[in-house]
C-alpha atoms as a PDB file:
ATOM      1  CA  MET A   1     102.245  38.640  12.808  1.00  0.00           C
ATOM      2  CA  PHE A   2      98.822  37.835  11.524  1.00  0.00           C
ATOM      3  CA  SER A   3      98.266  34.394  10.235  1.00  0.00           C
ATOM      4  CA  LEU A   4      96.866  33.994   6.760  1.00  0.00           C
ATOM      5  CA  ARG A   5      93.583  32.760   8.251  1.00  0.00           C
ATOM      6  CA  VAL A   6      93.189  35.886  10.421  1.00  0.00           C
ATOM      7  CA  LEU A   7      94.096  38.172   7.532  1.00  0.00           C
ATOM      8  CA  LEU A   8      91.674  36.407   5.205  1.00  0.00           C
ATOM      9  CA  SER A   9      88.936  36.609   7.861  1.00  0.00           C
ATOM     10  CA  LEU A  10      89.503  40.362   8.242  1.00  0.00           C
ATOM     11  CA  VAL A  11      89.307  40.860   4.492  1.00  0.00           C
ATOM     12  CA  VAL A  12      86.068  38.858   4.246  1.00  0.00           C
ATOM     13  CA  VAL A  13      84.501  40.746   7.177  1.00  0.00           C
ATOM     14  CA  SER A  14      85.574  44.062   5.674  1.00  0.00           C
ATOM     15  CA  LEU A  15      84.115  43.203   2.267  1.00  0.00           C
ATOM     16  CA  PHE A  16      80.879  41.964   3.842  1.00  0.00           C
ATOM     17  CA  THR A  17      80.550  45.121   5.942  1.00  0.00           C
ATOM     18  CA  THR A  18      81.170  47.340   2.910  1.00  0.00           C
ATOM     19  CA  ALA A  19      78.679  45.401   0.793  1.00  0.00           C
ATOM     20  CA  PHE A  20      76.092  45.501   3.585  1.00  0.00           C
ATOM     21  CA  ALA A  21      76.556  49.243   4.033  1.00  0.00           C
ATOM     22  CA  ALA A  22      76.159  49.794   0.282  1.00  0.00           C
ATOM     23  CA  ASP A  23      73.001  47.672   0.243  1.00  0.00           C
ATOM     24  CA  THR A  24      71.633  49.600   3.218  1.00  0.00           C
ATOM     25  CA  LYS A  25      72.407  52.935   1.558  1.00  0.00           C
ATOM     26  CA  ARG A  26      70.818  51.772  -1.704  1.00  0.00           C
ATOM     27  CA  GLU A  27      67.743  50.552   0.166  1.00  0.00           C
ATOM     28  CA  LYS A  28      67.475  53.932   1.873  1.00  0.00           C
ATOM     29  CA  ALA A  29      67.867  55.755  -1.448  1.00  0.00           C
ATOM     30  CA  THR A  30      65.127  53.524  -2.882  1.00  0.00           C
ATOM     31  CA  GLU A  31      62.925  54.270   0.114  1.00  0.00           C
ATOM     32  CA  LEU A  32      63.589  57.986  -0.384  1.00  0.00           C
ATOM     33  CA  MET A  33      62.304  57.740  -3.966  1.00  0.00           C
ATOM     34  CA  ASP A  34      59.091  56.207  -2.594  1.00  0.00           C
ATOM     35  CA  VAL A  35      58.718  58.822   0.154  1.00  0.00           C
ATOM     36  CA  MET A  36      59.284  61.559  -2.418  1.00  0.00           C
ATOM     37  CA  ASN A  37      56.575  60.055  -4.661  1.00  0.00           C
ATOM     38  CA  MET A  38      58.932  60.206  -7.606  1.00  0.00           C
ATOM     39  CA  GLU A  39      56.629  58.166  -9.833  1.00  0.00           C
ATOM     40  CA  SER A  40      53.762  60.645  -9.421  1.00  0.00           C
ATOM     41  CA  THR A  41      56.215  63.535  -9.825  1.00  0.00           C
ATOM     42  CA  MET A  42      57.230  62.057 -13.183  1.00  0.00           C
ATOM     43  CA  ASP A  43      53.559  61.758 -14.174  1.00  0.00           C
ATOM     44  CA  ALA A  44      53.040  65.427 -13.304  1.00  0.00           C
ATOM     45  CA  MET A  45      56.061  66.303 -15.437  1.00  0.00           C
ATOM     46  CA  TYR A  46      54.540  64.519 -18.436  1.00  0.00           C
ATOM     47  CA  SER A  47      51.289  66.429 -17.973  1.00  0.00           C
ATOM     48  CA  GLN A  48      53.231  69.694 -17.824  1.00  0.00           C
ATOM     49  CA  MET A  49      55.109  68.761 -20.986  1.00  0.00           C
ATOM     50  CA  GLU A  50      51.840  67.979 -22.740  1.00  0.00           C
ATOM     51  CA  ALA A  51      50.406  71.358 -21.706  1.00  0.00           C
ATOM     52  CA  MET A  52      53.597  73.088 -22.818  1.00  0.00           C
ATOM     53  CA  LEU A  53      53.411  71.405 -26.228  1.00  0.00           C
ATOM     54  CA  GLN A  54      49.799  72.519 -26.586  1.00  0.00           C
ATOM     55  CA  GLY A  55      50.834  76.056 -25.684  1.00  0.00           C
ATOM     56  CA  MET A  56      53.374  75.962 -28.481  1.00  0.00           C
ATOM     57  CA  ALA A  57      50.524  75.890 -31.027  1.00  0.00           C
ATOM     58  CA  LYS A  58      49.846  79.555 -30.322  1.00  0.00           C
ATOM     59  CA  GLU A  59      53.531  80.474 -30.363  1.00  0.00           C
ATOM     60  CA  LEU A  60      54.040  78.664 -33.665  1.00  0.00           C
ATOM     61  CA  ASP A  61      50.887  80.181 -35.119  1.00  0.00           C
ATOM     62  CA  ILE A  62      49.427  76.792 -35.991  1.00  0.00           C
ATOM     63  CA  GLN A  63      46.512  77.267 -38.342  1.00  0.00           C
ATOM     64  CA  PRO A  64      43.165  75.548 -37.677  1.00  0.00           C
ATOM     65  CA  SER A  65      43.756  73.316 -40.704  1.00  0.00           C
ATOM     66  CA  GLU A  66      47.081  72.171 -39.172  1.00  0.00           C
ATOM     67  CA  GLN A  67      45.795  71.699 -35.613  1.00  0.00           C
ATOM     68  CA  GLU A  68      44.824  68.021 -35.982  1.00  0.00           C
ATOM     69  CA  ILE A  69      48.268  67.099 -37.342  1.00  0.00           C
ATOM     70  CA  PHE A  70      49.952  69.167 -34.637  1.00  0.00           C
ATOM     71  CA  ASN A  71      47.882  67.473 -31.914  1.00  0.00           C
ATOM     72  CA  ARG A  72      48.606  64.000 -33.287  1.00  0.00           C
ATOM     73  CA  TYR A  73      52.371  64.622 -33.287  1.00  0.00           C
ATOM     74  CA  ASN A  74      52.231  66.117 -29.800  1.00  0.00           C
ATOM     75  CA  LEU A  75      50.506  62.975 -28.530  1.00  0.00           C
ATOM     76  CA  GLN A  76      53.202  60.856 -30.177  1.00  0.00           C
ATOM     77  CA  ILE A  77      55.919  62.942 -28.540  1.00  0.00           C
ATOM     78  CA  VAL A  78      54.300  62.627 -25.112  1.00  0.00           C
ATOM     79  CA  ASP A  79      53.796  58.881 -25.583  1.00  0.00           C
ATOM     80  CA  LEU A  80      57.455  58.469 -26.560  1.00  0.00           C
ATOM     81  CA  MET A  81      58.530  60.486 -23.524  1.00  0.00           C
ATOM     82  CA  ARG A  82      56.337  58.431 -21.213  1.00  0.00           C
ATOM     83  CA  GLU A  83      57.849  55.257 -22.620  1.00  0.00           C
ATOM     84  CA  ALA A  84      61.517  56.254 -22.884  1.00  0.00           C
ATOM     85  CA  LEU A  85      61.530  58.354 -19.725  1.00  0.00           C
ATOM     86  CA  SER A  86      59.181  56.265 -17.610  1.00  0.00           C
ATOM     87  CA  TRP A  87      59.864  56.010 -13.911  1.00  0.00           C
ATOM     88  CA  GLU A  88      60.652  52.319 -14.363  1.00  0.00           C
ATOM     89  CA  GLU A  89      63.311  53.281 -16.922  1.00  0.00           C
ATOM     90  CA  LEU A  90      64.777  56.071 -14.772  1.00  0.00           C
ATOM     91  CA  LYS A  91      64.393  54.609 -11.281  1.00  0.00           C
ATOM     92  CA  ALA A  92      67.662  52.645 -11.099  1.00  0.00           C
ATOM     93  CA  ALA A  93      69.689  55.512 -12.580  1.00  0.00           C
ATOM     94  CA  THR A  94      68.097  58.026 -10.198  1.00  0.00           C
ATOM     95  CA  ILE A  95      68.823  55.806  -7.208  1.00  0.00           C
ATOM     96  CA  ASP A  96      72.432  55.470  -8.440  1.00  0.00           C
ATOM     97  CA  ILE A  97      72.741  59.261  -8.612  1.00  0.00           C
ATOM     98  CA  TYR A  98      71.382  59.743  -5.081  1.00  0.00           C
ATOM     99  CA  GLU A  99      73.584  56.931  -3.789  1.00  0.00           C
ATOM    100  CA  VAL A 100      76.722  58.522  -5.271  1.00  0.00           C
ATOM    101  CA  SER A 101      75.793  62.144  -4.566  1.00  0.00           C
ATOM    102  CA  PHE A 102      74.636  61.848  -0.960  1.00  0.00           C
ATOM    103  CA  SER A 103      76.075  60.201   2.110  1.00  0.00           C
ATOM    104  CA  GLU A 104      73.957  57.727   4.028  1.00  0.00           C
ATOM    105  CA  GLU A 105      73.523  60.361   6.742  1.00  0.00           C
ATOM    106  CA  GLU A 106      72.215  62.874   4.187  1.00  0.00           C
ATOM    107  CA  ILE A 107      69.777  60.303   2.801  1.00  0.00           C
ATOM    108  CA  ASP A 108      68.640  59.562   6.360  1.00  0.00           C
ATOM    109  CA  ALA A 109      68.075  63.295   6.928  1.00  0.00           C
ATOM    110  CA  MET A 110      66.061  63.608   3.725  1.00  0.00           C
ATOM    111  CA  LEU A 111      63.973  60.605   4.734  1.00  0.00           C
ATOM    112  CA  VAL A 112      63.239  62.206   8.099  1.00  0.00           C
ATOM    113  CA  PHE A 113      62.340  65.544   6.507  1.00  0.00           C
ATOM    114  CA  TYR A 114      60.216  64.253   3.626  1.00  0.00           C
ATOM    115  CA  ARG A 115      58.210  62.089   6.025  1.00  0.00           C
ATOM    116  CA  THR A 116      57.127  65.197   7.939  1.00  0.00           C
ATOM    117  CA  GLU A 117      53.988  67.167   7.125  1.00  0.00           C
ATOM    118  CA  ALA A 118      56.143  70.070   5.909  1.00  0.00           C
ATOM    119  CA  GLY A 119      58.241  67.782   3.729  1.00  0.00           C
ATOM    120  CA  GLN A 120      55.174  66.207   2.132  1.00  0.00           C
ATOM    121  CA  SER A 121      53.662  69.663   1.598  1.00  0.00           C
ATOM    122  CA  ILE A 122      56.794  70.837  -0.204  1.00  0.00           C
ATOM    123  CA  LEU A 123      56.828  67.721  -2.390  1.00  0.00           C
ATOM    124  CA  LYS A 124      53.189  68.301  -3.369  1.00  0.00           C
ATOM    125  CA  LYS A 125      53.804  71.950  -4.232  1.00  0.00           C
ATOM    126  CA  MET A 126      57.092  71.474  -6.084  1.00  0.00           C
ATOM    127  CA  PRO A 127      55.587  70.586  -9.502  1.00  0.00           C
ATOM    128  CA  ALA A 128      53.566  73.821  -9.471  1.00  0.00           C
ATOM    129  CA  VAL A 129      56.655  75.769  -8.380  1.00  0.00           C
ATOM    130  CA  MET A 130      58.655  74.243 -11.230  1.00  0.00           C
ATOM    131  CA  GLN A 131      55.837  75.042 -13.661  1.00  0.00           C
ATOM    132  CA  GLU A 132      55.881  78.695 -12.604  1.00  0.00           C
ATOM    133  CA  SER A 133      59.683  78.829 -12.819  1.00  0.00           C
ATOM    134  CA  ARG A 134      59.896  78.259 -16.551  1.00  0.00           C
END
């Protein structure tokens, strides 16, 4: 039979190993966000949203006399989005999602791919692809 000391040692080692693995996976998920340039992707999204809001003026038949008010409110909307949905606000939650959704091996594979020339090319083109997909 195991002694209490051996059993306690096994439990401590197991907990430490699990915690270390989780930290490693989280660090890799964080690194993936950097490799994927998520902050600049978010900035591109805000620019697309701003352009989309401006395009709505035509769809809503905004009159020239209303344009200044419309523009002012659009700027307020974009500013609120940039503040409430900033990368700093979303980073931890996004990392949590990747950490839960993907295994460490999958994160490793994404890191390998997105570090390649092809991976970086896809990341650079994706905002334009998303823009065209709407």
